[in-house]
Amino acid sequence: DVMNKLFLLGDSTCAVKEDSARPETGWGEMFYPYLKDGWTLVNHAQNGRSTEMILLEGIFYDCFWESSEGDYVIIQFGHNENKPEEYRRTDPDGKFVFNLRYMIKNFRSRGVTVILISPISRRYFVNGKPQNTHFGYPAAMKRVAEEEGLIFIEMTQRTLRALDEMGEEESKKMFMNFPAGMYENYPEGKQDNTHLRPEGAAWVASLIADGLKKYDLPFIKY
């Protein structure tokens, strides 16, 4: 009996973490409870990656060859597309869109269904209000999903609203933002507002699952 697979392609916010990085946790590590029996989760997300890098390094192709008809793949990028390095950087209306379409076309040829998810917000507050730091990438991704007829889960605004409700102080507990002496791996503490702690990863996974439950998907527990 062949198990169907749900693949995750993304960056550090989704990826499985090394023990040395704990308590940092990717939302993909917290997605298992939402998966129906008979489905297996294959997390190909990796730290620091952009759509350009997963094509250059072959991460996309590893996922592609491992997938087969009836499988699903969730693609979520946007955190590293704006970085300065040429091997990483994409333009939201240029290479980013091109790379997404290339991956979609290839997965489709294999009978794999693609779901696009916009990047989660960073915890970046100005005058008590969280700000969008993802430029044009979420909108570009939404447009690709509409044009390709794909399910799209808008997570950038969704997480921004949730951060607004939590507030500047309370929202720290979701991210790797904590004082010295709390965690063995970080004796000096940390002020990282991009990467998630277990609470944050569970929160993001539940928001994504809620978004997916609106659609008739075979892998989601209802």
N, C-alpha and C. Protein backbone atom coordinates (compact mmCIF):
# COMPACT_ATOMS: atom_id res chain seq x y z
N ASP A 1 0.85 -1.20 0.00
CA ASP A 1 0.00 0.00 0.00
C ASP A 1 0.89 1.25 0.00
N VAL A 2 0.85 1.97 -1.11
CA VAL A 2 1.70 3.16 -1.25
C VAL A 2 1.07 4.33 -0.50
N MET A 3 1.83 4.93 0.36
CA MET A 3 1.34 6.11 1.08
C MET A 3 1.50 7.34 0.19
N ASN A 4 0.47 8.17 0.22
CA ASN A 4 0.61 9.46 -0.47
C ASN A 4 1.50 10.38 0.35
N LYS A 5 2.13 11.31 -0.34
CA LYS A 5 3.05 12.22 0.33
C LYS A 5 2.60 13.67 0.21
N LEU A 6 2.83 14.40 1.30
CA LEU A 6 2.72 15.85 1.27
C LEU A 6 4.13 16.39 1.43
N PHE A 7 4.62 17.11 0.40
CA PHE A 7 5.96 17.69 0.43
C PHE A 7 5.89 19.15 0.86
N LEU A 8 6.91 19.58 1.57
CA LEU A 8 7.04 20.99 1.92
C LEU A 8 8.33 21.52 1.30
N LEU A 9 8.20 22.60 0.54
CA LEU A 9 9.38 23.29 -0.04
C LEU A 9 9.35 24.71 0.50
N GLY A 10 10.39 25.09 1.23
CA GLY A 10 10.38 26.43 1.81
C GLY A 10 11.73 26.78 2.41
N ASP A 11 11.69 27.77 3.32
CA ASP A 11 12.92 28.28 3.92
C ASP A 11 12.97 27.93 5.41
N SER A 12 13.80 28.66 6.15
CA SER A 12 14.05 28.34 7.56
C SER A 12 12.80 28.38 8.44
N THR A 13 11.78 29.14 8.03
CA THR A 13 10.59 29.24 8.89
C THR A 13 9.81 27.92 8.90
N CYS A 14 10.08 27.06 7.91
CA CYS A 14 9.38 25.78 7.78
C CYS A 14 10.27 24.57 8.08
N ALA A 15 11.59 24.76 8.00
CA ALA A 15 12.55 23.65 8.00
C ALA A 15 12.69 22.92 9.33
N VAL A 16 13.18 21.68 9.25
CA VAL A 16 13.54 20.89 10.43
C VAL A 16 14.87 21.42 10.97
N LYS A 17 14.96 21.61 12.28
CA LYS A 17 16.14 22.23 12.88
C LYS A 17 17.11 21.23 13.49
N GLU A 18 18.39 21.62 13.51
CA GLU A 18 19.42 20.85 14.21
C GLU A 18 19.22 21.01 15.72
N ASP A 19 19.66 20.02 16.49
CA ASP A 19 19.59 20.11 17.95
C ASP A 19 20.30 21.36 18.49
N SER A 20 21.39 21.73 17.82
CA SER A 20 22.18 22.87 18.28
C SER A 20 21.44 24.20 18.13
N ALA A 21 20.36 24.21 17.35
CA ALA A 21 19.60 25.45 17.14
C ALA A 21 18.37 25.54 18.04
N ARG A 22 18.01 24.44 18.72
CA ARG A 22 16.81 24.47 19.56
C ARG A 22 16.91 25.56 20.60
N PRO A 23 15.79 26.19 20.97
CA PRO A 23 14.40 25.81 20.69
C PRO A 23 13.86 26.22 19.32
N GLU A 24 14.71 26.73 18.41
CA GLU A 24 14.20 27.10 17.08
C GLU A 24 13.49 25.91 16.44
N THR A 25 12.34 26.17 15.86
CA THR A 25 11.48 25.11 15.31
C THR A 25 10.83 25.63 14.03
N GLY A 26 10.77 24.78 13.00
CA GLY A 26 10.08 25.16 11.77
C GLY A 26 8.62 24.74 11.86
N TRP A 27 7.73 25.48 11.21
CA TRP A 27 6.30 25.11 11.29
C TRP A 27 6.04 23.73 10.69
N GLY A 28 6.88 23.32 9.74
CA GLY A 28 6.73 21.99 9.15
C GLY A 28 6.87 20.88 10.18
N GLU A 29 7.64 21.14 11.23
CA GLU A 29 7.82 20.15 12.30
C GLU A 29 6.57 20.02 13.15
N MET A 30 5.70 21.01 13.08
CA MET A 30 4.50 21.04 13.90
C MET A 30 3.24 20.76 13.08
N PHE A 31 3.43 20.31 11.83
CA PHE A 31 2.28 20.12 10.94
C PHE A 31 1.71 18.70 10.99
N TYR A 32 2.45 17.78 11.61
CA TYR A 32 2.02 16.37 11.63
C TYR A 32 0.60 16.16 12.18
N PRO A 33 0.19 16.84 13.25
CA PRO A 33 -1.15 16.58 13.81
C PRO A 33 -2.30 16.85 12.83
N TYR A 34 -2.02 17.63 11.77
CA TYR A 34 -3.09 18.00 10.83
C TYR A 34 -3.17 17.05 9.64
N LEU A 35 -2.30 16.04 9.64
CA LEU A 35 -2.23 15.14 8.49
C LEU A 35 -3.05 13.89 8.74
N LYS A 36 -3.86 13.54 7.74
CA LYS A 36 -4.67 12.32 7.82
C LYS A 36 -3.80 11.07 7.83
N ASP A 37 -4.31 10.01 8.43
CA ASP A 37 -3.63 8.71 8.37
C ASP A 37 -3.48 8.32 6.91
N GLY A 38 -2.38 7.64 6.60
CA GLY A 38 -2.16 7.23 5.21
C GLY A 38 -1.37 8.27 4.42
N TRP A 39 -1.08 9.40 5.06
CA TRP A 39 -0.27 10.43 4.41
C TRP A 39 1.04 10.59 5.16
N THR A 40 2.10 10.84 4.43
CA THR A 40 3.38 11.06 5.07
C THR A 40 3.91 12.45 4.70
N LEU A 41 4.52 13.11 5.66
CA LEU A 41 5.01 14.47 5.46
C LEU A 41 6.50 14.40 5.12
N VAL A 42 6.89 15.03 4.01
CA VAL A 42 8.29 15.05 3.60
C VAL A 42 8.73 16.51 3.52
N ASN A 43 9.54 16.91 4.49
CA ASN A 43 9.90 18.33 4.61
C ASN A 43 11.25 18.60 3.93
N HIS A 44 11.19 19.23 2.75
CA HIS A 44 12.41 19.58 2.01
C HIS A 44 12.81 21.04 2.24
N ALA A 45 12.11 21.73 3.15
CA ALA A 45 12.46 23.13 3.43
C ALA A 45 13.85 23.18 4.05
N GLN A 46 14.62 24.22 3.69
CA GLN A 46 15.97 24.38 4.25
C GLN A 46 16.27 25.85 4.53
N ASN A 47 17.06 26.05 5.57
CA ASN A 47 17.42 27.41 5.98
C ASN A 47 18.02 28.23 4.84
N GLY A 48 17.64 29.49 4.79
CA GLY A 48 18.30 30.45 3.91
C GLY A 48 17.99 30.33 2.44
N ARG A 49 17.07 29.45 2.08
CA ARG A 49 16.85 29.20 0.65
C ARG A 49 15.82 30.17 0.04
N SER A 50 16.02 30.40 -1.25
CA SER A 50 15.06 31.14 -2.07
C SER A 50 14.64 30.21 -3.20
N THR A 51 13.68 30.66 -4.01
CA THR A 51 13.25 29.84 -5.16
C THR A 51 14.43 29.60 -6.10
N GLU A 52 15.29 30.61 -6.22
CA GLU A 52 16.45 30.50 -7.10
C GLU A 52 17.42 29.43 -6.60
N MET A 53 17.67 29.44 -5.30
CA MET A 53 18.64 28.50 -4.72
C MET A 53 18.18 27.06 -4.79
N ILE A 54 16.88 26.82 -4.59
CA ILE A 54 16.45 25.41 -4.59
C ILE A 54 16.53 24.82 -6.00
N LEU A 55 16.47 25.69 -7.01
CA LEU A 55 16.68 25.21 -8.38
C LEU A 55 18.17 25.02 -8.64
N LEU A 56 19.00 25.99 -8.26
CA LEU A 56 20.45 25.90 -8.47
C LEU A 56 21.06 24.71 -7.74
N GLU A 57 20.60 24.48 -6.51
CA GLU A 57 21.22 23.44 -5.67
C GLU A 57 20.60 22.06 -5.88
N GLY A 58 19.46 22.03 -6.57
CA GLY A 58 18.84 20.74 -6.84
C GLY A 58 17.83 20.27 -5.78
N ILE A 59 17.55 21.10 -4.78
CA ILE A 59 16.56 20.72 -3.76
C ILE A 59 15.20 20.48 -4.42
N PHE A 60 14.86 21.36 -5.36
CA PHE A 60 13.60 21.18 -6.09
C PHE A 60 13.56 19.83 -6.80
N TYR A 61 14.68 19.46 -7.45
CA TYR A 61 14.71 18.22 -8.23
C TYR A 61 14.65 16.99 -7.33
N ASP A 62 15.27 17.06 -6.16
CA ASP A 62 15.15 15.95 -5.19
C ASP A 62 13.68 15.71 -4.86
N CYS A 63 12.99 16.80 -4.62
CA CYS A 63 11.57 16.72 -4.28
C CYS A 63 10.77 16.19 -5.47
N PHE A 64 11.05 16.73 -6.65
CA PHE A 64 10.36 16.35 -7.88
C PHE A 64 10.47 14.84 -8.14
N TRP A 65 11.68 14.30 -8.06
CA TRP A 65 11.89 12.87 -8.36
C TRP A 65 11.31 11.96 -7.29
N GLU A 66 11.16 12.49 -6.08
CA GLU A 66 10.60 11.70 -4.99
C GLU A 66 9.06 11.68 -5.04
N SER A 67 8.50 12.64 -5.76
CA SER A 67 7.04 12.78 -5.80
C SER A 67 6.45 11.89 -6.87
N SER A 68 5.18 11.57 -6.69
CA SER A 68 4.49 10.82 -7.74
C SER A 68 3.02 11.25 -7.80
N GLU A 69 2.33 10.74 -8.78
CA GLU A 69 0.94 11.15 -9.03
C GLU A 69 0.09 11.03 -7.78
N GLY A 70 -0.71 12.06 -7.52
CA GLY A 70 -1.58 12.04 -6.35
C GLY A 70 -0.98 12.71 -5.12
N ASP A 71 0.33 13.02 -5.19
CA ASP A 71 0.97 13.72 -4.08
C ASP A 71 0.64 15.21 -4.13
N TYR A 72 0.93 15.89 -3.03
CA TYR A 72 0.75 17.34 -2.93
C TYR A 72 2.06 17.97 -2.51
N VAL A 73 2.27 19.23 -2.92
CA VAL A 73 3.44 19.97 -2.44
C VAL A 73 3.00 21.38 -2.04
N ILE A 74 3.45 21.79 -0.87
CA ILE A 74 3.23 23.17 -0.40
C ILE A 74 4.53 23.94 -0.63
N ILE A 75 4.43 25.04 -1.37
CA ILE A 75 5.60 25.88 -1.65
C ILE A 75 5.42 27.22 -0.95
N GLN A 76 6.40 27.58 -0.11
CA GLN A 76 6.34 28.85 0.63
C GLN A 76 7.71 29.51 0.63
N PHE A 77 7.83 30.60 -0.13
CA PHE A 77 9.08 31.36 -0.16
C PHE A 77 8.79 32.85 -0.06
N GLY A 78 9.84 33.62 0.17
CA GLY A 78 9.69 35.07 0.27
C GLY A 78 10.65 35.70 1.26
N HIS A 79 11.16 34.91 2.21
CA HIS A 79 12.05 35.47 3.23
C HIS A 79 13.44 35.82 2.69
N ASN A 80 13.91 35.06 1.72
CA ASN A 80 15.30 35.23 1.26
C ASN A 80 15.41 35.71 -0.18
N GLU A 81 14.28 36.01 -0.78
CA GLU A 81 14.29 36.40 -2.21
C GLU A 81 14.91 37.79 -2.39
N ASN A 82 14.89 38.59 -1.34
CA ASN A 82 15.36 39.98 -1.44
C ASN A 82 16.79 40.15 -0.94
N LYS A 83 17.44 39.05 -0.59
CA LYS A 83 18.81 39.12 -0.07
C LYS A 83 19.77 39.57 -1.19
N PRO A 84 20.90 40.18 -0.82
CA PRO A 84 21.77 40.78 -1.85
C PRO A 84 22.52 39.80 -2.74
N GLU A 85 22.79 38.58 -2.26
CA GLU A 85 23.62 37.66 -3.06
C GLU A 85 22.91 37.26 -4.35
N GLU A 86 23.66 37.28 -5.42
CA GLU A 86 23.07 37.03 -6.74
C GLU A 86 22.48 35.63 -6.87
N TYR A 87 23.14 34.64 -6.24
CA TYR A 87 22.65 33.26 -6.36
C TYR A 87 21.33 33.06 -5.60
N ARG A 88 20.99 34.04 -4.76
CA ARG A 88 19.80 33.89 -3.92
C ARG A 88 18.66 34.80 -4.38
N ARG A 89 19.03 35.97 -4.86
CA ARG A 89 18.09 37.05 -5.09
C ARG A 89 17.17 36.80 -6.29
N THR A 90 15.91 37.20 -6.13
CA THR A 90 14.98 37.22 -7.28
C THR A 90 14.20 38.53 -7.23
N ASP A 91 13.68 38.91 -8.37
CA ASP A 91 12.80 40.07 -8.45
C ASP A 91 11.37 39.56 -8.33
N PRO A 92 10.50 40.23 -7.52
CA PRO A 92 9.16 39.68 -7.29
C PRO A 92 8.36 39.48 -8.58
N ASP A 93 8.54 40.38 -9.55
CA ASP A 93 7.74 40.24 -10.78
C ASP A 93 8.54 39.61 -11.91
N GLY A 94 9.78 39.22 -11.61
CA GLY A 94 10.63 38.60 -12.63
C GLY A 94 10.91 37.15 -12.31
N LYS A 95 12.13 36.93 -11.83
CA LYS A 95 12.60 35.57 -11.60
C LYS A 95 11.78 34.79 -10.57
N PHE A 96 11.28 35.49 -9.56
CA PHE A 96 10.46 34.82 -8.53
C PHE A 96 9.26 34.13 -9.18
N VAL A 97 8.54 34.90 -9.99
CA VAL A 97 7.36 34.38 -10.69
C VAL A 97 7.75 33.28 -11.68
N PHE A 98 8.84 33.52 -12.40
CA PHE A 98 9.34 32.53 -13.36
C PHE A 98 9.65 31.21 -12.67
N ASN A 99 10.37 31.29 -11.54
CA ASN A 99 10.75 30.08 -10.80
C ASN A 99 9.53 29.33 -10.28
N LEU A 100 8.56 30.06 -9.75
CA LEU A 100 7.33 29.41 -9.27
C LEU A 100 6.62 28.68 -10.41
N ARG A 101 6.48 29.37 -11.55
CA ARG A 101 5.79 28.76 -12.71
C ARG A 101 6.53 27.52 -13.21
N TYR A 102 7.85 27.59 -13.20
CA TYR A 102 8.68 26.46 -13.64
C TYR A 102 8.42 25.24 -12.75
N MET A 103 8.39 25.47 -11.43
CA MET A 103 8.16 24.37 -10.50
C MET A 103 6.74 23.82 -10.64
N ILE A 104 5.78 24.71 -10.78
CA ILE A 104 4.38 24.30 -10.92
C ILE A 104 4.21 23.42 -12.16
N LYS A 105 4.78 23.89 -13.28
CA LYS A 105 4.66 23.16 -14.55
C LYS A 105 5.24 21.75 -14.43
N ASN A 106 6.40 21.65 -13.81
CA ASN A 106 7.05 20.35 -13.66
C ASN A 106 6.26 19.43 -12.74
N PHE A 107 5.82 19.94 -11.59
CA PHE A 107 5.03 19.11 -10.68
C PHE A 107 3.74 18.63 -11.37
N ARG A 108 3.10 19.54 -12.11
CA ARG A 108 1.86 19.17 -12.81
C ARG A 108 2.08 18.03 -13.79
N SER A 109 3.22 18.06 -14.47
CA SER A 109 3.51 17.03 -15.48
C SER A 109 3.62 15.66 -14.80
N ARG A 110 3.84 15.67 -13.50
CA ARG A 110 3.99 14.44 -12.73
C ARG A 110 2.71 14.05 -12.00
N GLY A 111 1.67 14.88 -12.13
CA GLY A 111 0.41 14.59 -11.45
C GLY A 111 0.41 15.00 -9.99
N VAL A 112 1.29 15.95 -9.65
CA VAL A 112 1.40 16.44 -8.27
C VAL A 112 0.69 17.80 -8.17
N THR A 113 -0.12 17.97 -7.13
CA THR A 113 -0.86 19.22 -6.93
C THR A 113 -0.05 20.19 -6.09
N VAL A 114 0.07 21.43 -6.59
CA VAL A 114 0.84 22.46 -5.90
C VAL A 114 -0.09 23.40 -5.13
N ILE A 115 0.30 23.73 -3.91
CA ILE A 115 -0.38 24.75 -3.10
C ILE A 115 0.65 25.82 -2.78
N LEU A 116 0.29 27.08 -2.99
CA LEU A 116 1.22 28.18 -2.69
C LEU A 116 0.82 28.87 -1.39
N ILE A 117 1.81 29.18 -0.57
CA ILE A 117 1.57 29.83 0.71
C ILE A 117 2.52 31.01 0.84
N SER A 118 1.98 32.21 1.05
CA SER A 118 2.87 33.38 1.16
C SER A 118 3.64 33.34 2.47
N PRO A 119 4.80 34.04 2.53
CA PRO A 119 5.67 33.94 3.70
C PRO A 119 5.00 34.48 4.97
N ILE A 120 5.39 33.94 6.11
CA ILE A 120 4.87 34.47 7.37
C ILE A 120 5.59 35.78 7.68
N SER A 121 4.91 36.64 8.40
CA SER A 121 5.51 37.94 8.73
C SER A 121 6.62 37.82 9.76
N ARG A 122 7.54 38.74 9.67
CA ARG A 122 8.53 38.90 10.74
C ARG A 122 7.87 39.71 11.86
N ARG A 123 8.47 39.60 13.04
CA ARG A 123 7.97 40.40 14.17
C ARG A 123 8.71 41.73 14.14
N TYR A 124 8.18 42.66 13.35
CA TYR A 124 8.83 43.96 13.20
C TYR A 124 7.81 45.06 13.47
N PHE A 125 7.92 45.68 14.65
CA PHE A 125 6.95 46.69 15.07
C PHE A 125 7.53 48.10 14.92
N VAL A 126 6.74 49.01 14.42
CA VAL A 126 7.07 50.44 14.41
C VAL A 126 5.92 51.18 15.07
N ASN A 127 6.23 51.95 16.12
CA ASN A 127 5.20 52.65 16.89
C ASN A 127 4.06 51.72 17.29
N GLY A 128 4.43 50.52 17.76
CA GLY A 128 3.42 49.59 18.26
C GLY A 128 2.62 48.84 17.19
N LYS A 129 2.98 49.04 15.90
CA LYS A 129 2.25 48.35 14.81
C LYS A 129 3.20 47.44 14.03
N PRO A 130 2.81 46.16 13.82
CA PRO A 130 3.68 45.28 13.01
C PRO A 130 3.67 45.70 11.54
N GLN A 131 4.83 45.59 10.91
CA GLN A 131 5.00 46.06 9.52
C GLN A 131 5.24 44.88 8.57
N ASN A 132 4.77 45.05 7.35
CA ASN A 132 5.07 44.05 6.32
C ASN A 132 6.50 44.28 5.82
N THR A 133 7.34 43.23 5.88
CA THR A 133 8.73 43.36 5.42
C THR A 133 8.99 42.52 4.17
N HIS A 134 7.93 42.08 3.51
CA HIS A 134 8.11 41.14 2.40
C HIS A 134 7.93 41.73 1.00
N PHE A 135 7.92 43.06 0.93
CA PHE A 135 7.88 43.73 -0.37
C PHE A 135 6.77 43.17 -1.25
N GLY A 136 7.09 42.93 -2.54
CA GLY A 136 6.06 42.50 -3.48
C GLY A 136 5.88 41.00 -3.62
N TYR A 137 6.61 40.22 -2.81
CA TYR A 137 6.59 38.75 -3.01
C TYR A 137 5.24 38.11 -2.72
N PRO A 138 4.56 38.45 -1.60
CA PRO A 138 3.25 37.82 -1.36
C PRO A 138 2.24 38.09 -2.48
N ALA A 139 2.21 39.33 -2.96
CA ALA A 139 1.27 39.70 -4.03
C ALA A 139 1.60 38.97 -5.33
N ALA A 140 2.89 38.85 -5.62
CA ALA A 140 3.32 38.14 -6.84
C ALA A 140 2.91 36.67 -6.76
N MET A 141 3.06 36.08 -5.58
CA MET A 141 2.71 34.68 -5.40
C MET A 141 1.20 34.48 -5.55
N LYS A 142 0.44 35.40 -5.01
CA LYS A 142 -1.02 35.33 -5.13
C LYS A 142 -1.44 35.39 -6.60
N ARG A 143 -0.78 36.27 -7.35
CA ARG A 143 -1.11 36.42 -8.77
C ARG A 143 -0.80 35.14 -9.54
N VAL A 144 0.34 34.52 -9.24
CA VAL A 144 0.69 33.25 -9.90
C VAL A 144 -0.37 32.19 -9.57
N ALA A 145 -0.77 32.11 -8.31
CA ALA A 145 -1.78 31.12 -7.91
C ALA A 145 -3.09 31.34 -8.65
N GLU A 146 -3.51 32.60 -8.77
CA GLU A 146 -4.76 32.91 -9.48
C GLU A 146 -4.66 32.53 -10.95
N GLU A 147 -3.53 32.90 -11.57
CA GLU A 147 -3.37 32.63 -13.01
C GLU A 147 -3.24 31.14 -13.29
N GLU A 148 -2.66 30.40 -12.34
CA GLU A 148 -2.46 28.96 -12.54
C GLU A 148 -3.62 28.13 -11.97
N GLY A 149 -4.57 28.79 -11.32
CA GLY A 149 -5.71 28.08 -10.73
C GLY A 149 -5.33 27.20 -9.55
N LEU A 150 -4.42 27.71 -8.71
CA LEU A 150 -3.96 26.93 -7.56
C LEU A 150 -4.55 27.45 -6.26
N ILE A 151 -4.60 26.59 -5.26
CA ILE A 151 -4.95 27.02 -3.91
C ILE A 151 -3.82 27.90 -3.39
N PHE A 152 -4.21 29.04 -2.82
CA PHE A 152 -3.25 29.98 -2.26
C PHE A 152 -3.68 30.33 -0.84
N ILE A 153 -2.76 30.18 0.11
CA ILE A 153 -3.06 30.56 1.49
C ILE A 153 -2.26 31.82 1.80
N GLU A 154 -2.97 32.88 2.08
CA GLU A 154 -2.34 34.17 2.35
C GLU A 154 -1.91 34.20 3.82
N MET A 155 -0.61 33.98 4.06
CA MET A 155 -0.13 33.92 5.45
C MET A 155 0.54 35.22 5.91
N THR A 156 0.92 36.08 4.99
CA THR A 156 1.64 37.30 5.37
C THR A 156 0.72 38.23 6.17
N GLN A 157 -0.44 38.52 5.59
CA GLN A 157 -1.41 39.39 6.28
C GLN A 157 -2.01 38.70 7.50
N ARG A 158 -2.24 37.40 7.36
CA ARG A 158 -2.84 36.64 8.46
C ARG A 158 -1.95 36.67 9.71
N THR A 159 -0.65 36.48 9.52
CA THR A 159 0.27 36.52 10.66
C THR A 159 0.47 37.95 11.15
N LEU A 160 0.43 38.90 10.24
CA LEU A 160 0.54 40.32 10.61
C LEU A 160 -0.61 40.72 11.54
N ARG A 161 -1.82 40.31 11.17
CA ARG A 161 -2.99 40.63 12.01
C ARG A 161 -2.89 39.97 13.37
N ALA A 162 -2.44 38.72 13.38
CA ALA A 162 -2.29 37.99 14.65
C ALA A 162 -1.24 38.65 15.54
N LEU A 163 -0.14 39.12 14.94
CA LEU A 163 0.91 39.81 15.71
C LEU A 163 0.37 41.11 16.29
N ASP A 164 -0.45 41.79 15.51
CA ASP A 164 -1.07 43.03 15.96
C ASP A 164 -1.94 42.77 17.19
N GLU A 165 -2.71 41.68 17.14
CA GLU A 165 -3.57 41.32 18.28
C GLU A 165 -2.75 40.91 19.51
N MET A 166 -1.68 40.18 19.28
CA MET A 166 -0.82 39.75 20.40
C MET A 166 -0.12 40.92 21.04
N GLY A 167 0.32 41.85 20.21
CA GLY A 167 1.05 43.00 20.71
C GLY A 167 2.55 42.77 20.72
N GLU A 168 3.28 43.87 20.88
CA GLU A 168 4.73 43.88 20.70
C GLU A 168 5.44 42.96 21.70
N GLU A 169 5.03 43.00 22.95
CA GLU A 169 5.72 42.24 23.99
C GLU A 169 5.32 40.76 23.94
N GLU A 170 4.03 40.52 23.92
CA GLU A 170 3.47 39.15 23.96
C GLU A 170 3.95 38.32 22.77
N SER A 171 4.10 38.95 21.61
CA SER A 171 4.45 38.22 20.38
C SER A 171 5.89 37.70 20.40
N LYS A 172 6.73 38.21 21.31
CA LYS A 172 8.11 37.73 21.41
C LYS A 172 8.17 36.23 21.65
N LYS A 173 7.22 35.72 22.41
CA LYS A 173 7.28 34.30 22.79
C LYS A 173 7.13 33.35 21.59
N MET A 174 6.62 33.87 20.47
CA MET A 174 6.48 33.06 19.27
C MET A 174 7.82 32.94 18.53
N PHE A 175 8.69 33.92 18.74
CA PHE A 175 9.94 34.01 17.97
C PHE A 175 11.15 33.74 18.85
N MET A 176 12.29 33.67 18.20
CA MET A 176 13.56 33.42 18.90
C MET A 176 14.08 34.71 19.54
N ASN A 177 13.21 35.33 20.30
CA ASN A 177 13.52 36.60 20.94
C ASN A 177 13.36 36.43 22.45
N PHE A 178 14.48 36.29 23.16
CA PHE A 178 14.41 35.98 24.59
C PHE A 178 15.69 36.45 25.29
N PRO A 179 15.60 36.66 26.60
CA PRO A 179 16.76 37.13 27.36
C PRO A 179 17.80 36.04 27.60
N ALA A 180 18.94 36.45 28.14
CA ALA A 180 20.01 35.51 28.49
C ALA A 180 19.53 34.50 29.54
N GLY A 181 20.14 33.32 29.50
CA GLY A 181 19.91 32.33 30.55
C GLY A 181 18.66 31.48 30.43
N MET A 182 17.89 31.66 29.36
CA MET A 182 16.66 30.88 29.21
C MET A 182 16.90 29.51 28.58
N TYR A 183 17.81 29.49 27.60
CA TYR A 183 18.05 28.25 26.85
C TYR A 183 19.54 27.94 26.81
N GLU A 184 19.83 26.66 26.99
CA GLU A 184 21.21 26.18 27.00
C GLU A 184 21.99 26.59 25.74
N ASN A 185 21.34 26.48 24.59
CA ASN A 185 22.02 26.80 23.33
C ASN A 185 22.31 28.29 23.15
N TYR A 186 21.64 29.13 23.94
CA TYR A 186 21.79 30.58 23.77
C TYR A 186 22.00 31.26 25.12
N PRO A 187 23.18 31.02 25.73
CA PRO A 187 23.41 31.61 27.07
C PRO A 187 23.30 33.13 27.08
N GLU A 188 23.59 33.76 25.94
CA GLU A 188 23.52 35.23 25.86
C GLU A 188 22.11 35.74 25.53
N GLY A 189 21.19 34.82 25.27
CA GLY A 189 19.88 35.23 24.78
C GLY A 189 19.91 35.46 23.28
N LYS A 190 18.80 35.92 22.72
CA LYS A 190 18.73 36.13 21.26
C LYS A 190 17.65 37.15 20.97
N GLN A 191 17.84 37.91 19.88
CA GLN A 191 16.81 38.87 19.45
C GLN A 191 16.54 38.65 17.98
N ASP A 192 15.92 37.53 17.69
CA ASP A 192 15.66 37.13 16.31
C ASP A 192 14.13 37.14 16.14
N ASN A 193 13.67 37.96 15.22
CA ASN A 193 12.22 38.13 15.03
C ASN A 193 11.73 37.52 13.72
N THR A 194 12.52 36.59 13.18
CA THR A 194 12.13 35.87 11.95
C THR A 194 11.82 34.42 12.27
N HIS A 195 12.69 33.82 13.09
CA HIS A 195 12.61 32.37 13.33
C HIS A 195 11.76 32.05 14.55
N LEU A 196 11.14 30.89 14.51
CA LEU A 196 10.10 30.55 15.48
C LEU A 196 10.59 29.63 16.59
N ARG A 197 9.99 29.82 17.76
CA ARG A 197 10.13 28.86 18.85
C ARG A 197 8.99 27.84 18.68
N PRO A 198 8.98 26.76 19.49
CA PRO A 198 7.91 25.76 19.32
C PRO A 198 6.50 26.36 19.36
N GLU A 199 6.28 27.33 20.25
CA GLU A 199 4.96 27.96 20.33
C GLU A 199 4.60 28.64 19.01
N GLY A 200 5.60 29.32 18.44
CA GLY A 200 5.38 30.03 17.19
C GLY A 200 5.16 29.08 16.03
N ALA A 201 5.93 28.00 16.00
CA ALA A 201 5.80 27.00 14.93
C ALA A 201 4.42 26.34 14.99
N ALA A 202 3.95 26.04 16.20
CA ALA A 202 2.63 25.42 16.36
C ALA A 202 1.53 26.40 15.95
N TRP A 203 1.72 27.66 16.29
CA TRP A 203 0.77 28.73 15.93
C TRP A 203 0.66 28.87 14.41
N VAL A 204 1.81 28.92 13.73
CA VAL A 204 1.81 29.06 12.26
C VAL A 204 1.21 27.81 11.61
N ALA A 205 1.59 26.63 12.09
CA ALA A 205 1.04 25.38 11.53
C ALA A 205 -0.48 25.35 11.65
N SER A 206 -1.00 25.81 12.79
CA SER A 206 -2.46 25.79 12.98
C SER A 206 -3.15 26.79 12.06
N LEU A 207 -2.52 27.95 11.85
CA LEU A 207 -3.10 28.94 10.92
C LEU A 207 -3.12 28.40 9.49
N ILE A 208 -2.05 27.73 9.10
CA ILE A 208 -1.99 27.15 7.74
C ILE A 208 -3.04 26.05 7.59
N ALA A 209 -3.14 25.20 8.60
CA ALA A 209 -4.14 24.12 8.56
C ALA A 209 -5.55 24.70 8.47
N ASP A 210 -5.82 25.76 9.25
CA ASP A 210 -7.14 26.41 9.18
C ASP A 210 -7.42 26.93 7.78
N GLY A 211 -6.41 27.54 7.16
CA GLY A 211 -6.57 28.04 5.80
C GLY A 211 -6.87 26.91 4.82
N LEU A 212 -6.19 25.78 4.99
CA LEU A 212 -6.36 24.64 4.07
C LEU A 212 -7.70 23.94 4.25
N LYS A 213 -8.27 24.02 5.45
CA LYS A 213 -9.53 23.32 5.73
C LYS A 213 -10.71 23.86 4.92
N LYS A 214 -10.54 25.05 4.34
CA LYS A 214 -11.61 25.63 3.50
C LYS A 214 -11.73 24.89 2.16
N TYR A 215 -10.71 24.10 1.86
CA TYR A 215 -10.69 23.40 0.57
C TYR A 215 -10.86 21.91 0.80
N ASP A 216 -11.33 21.24 -0.21
CA ASP A 216 -11.58 19.80 -0.07
C ASP A 216 -10.29 19.05 -0.37
N LEU A 217 -9.42 18.94 0.62
CA LEU A 217 -8.11 18.34 0.41
C LEU A 217 -8.04 16.96 1.05
N PRO A 218 -7.43 15.99 0.36
CA PRO A 218 -7.44 14.63 0.88
C PRO A 218 -6.51 14.40 2.08
N PHE A 219 -5.55 15.32 2.30
CA PHE A 219 -4.54 15.05 3.33
C PHE A 219 -4.81 15.71 4.67
N ILE A 220 -5.79 16.65 4.70
CA ILE A 220 -6.02 17.41 5.94
C ILE A 220 -7.05 16.74 6.81
N LYS A 221 -6.74 16.62 8.10
CA LYS A 221 -7.70 16.11 9.08
C LYS A 221 -8.73 17.19 9.34
N TYR A 222 -10.01 16.83 9.24
CA TYR A 222 -11.05 17.83 9.48
C TYR A 222 -11.64 17.66 10.86
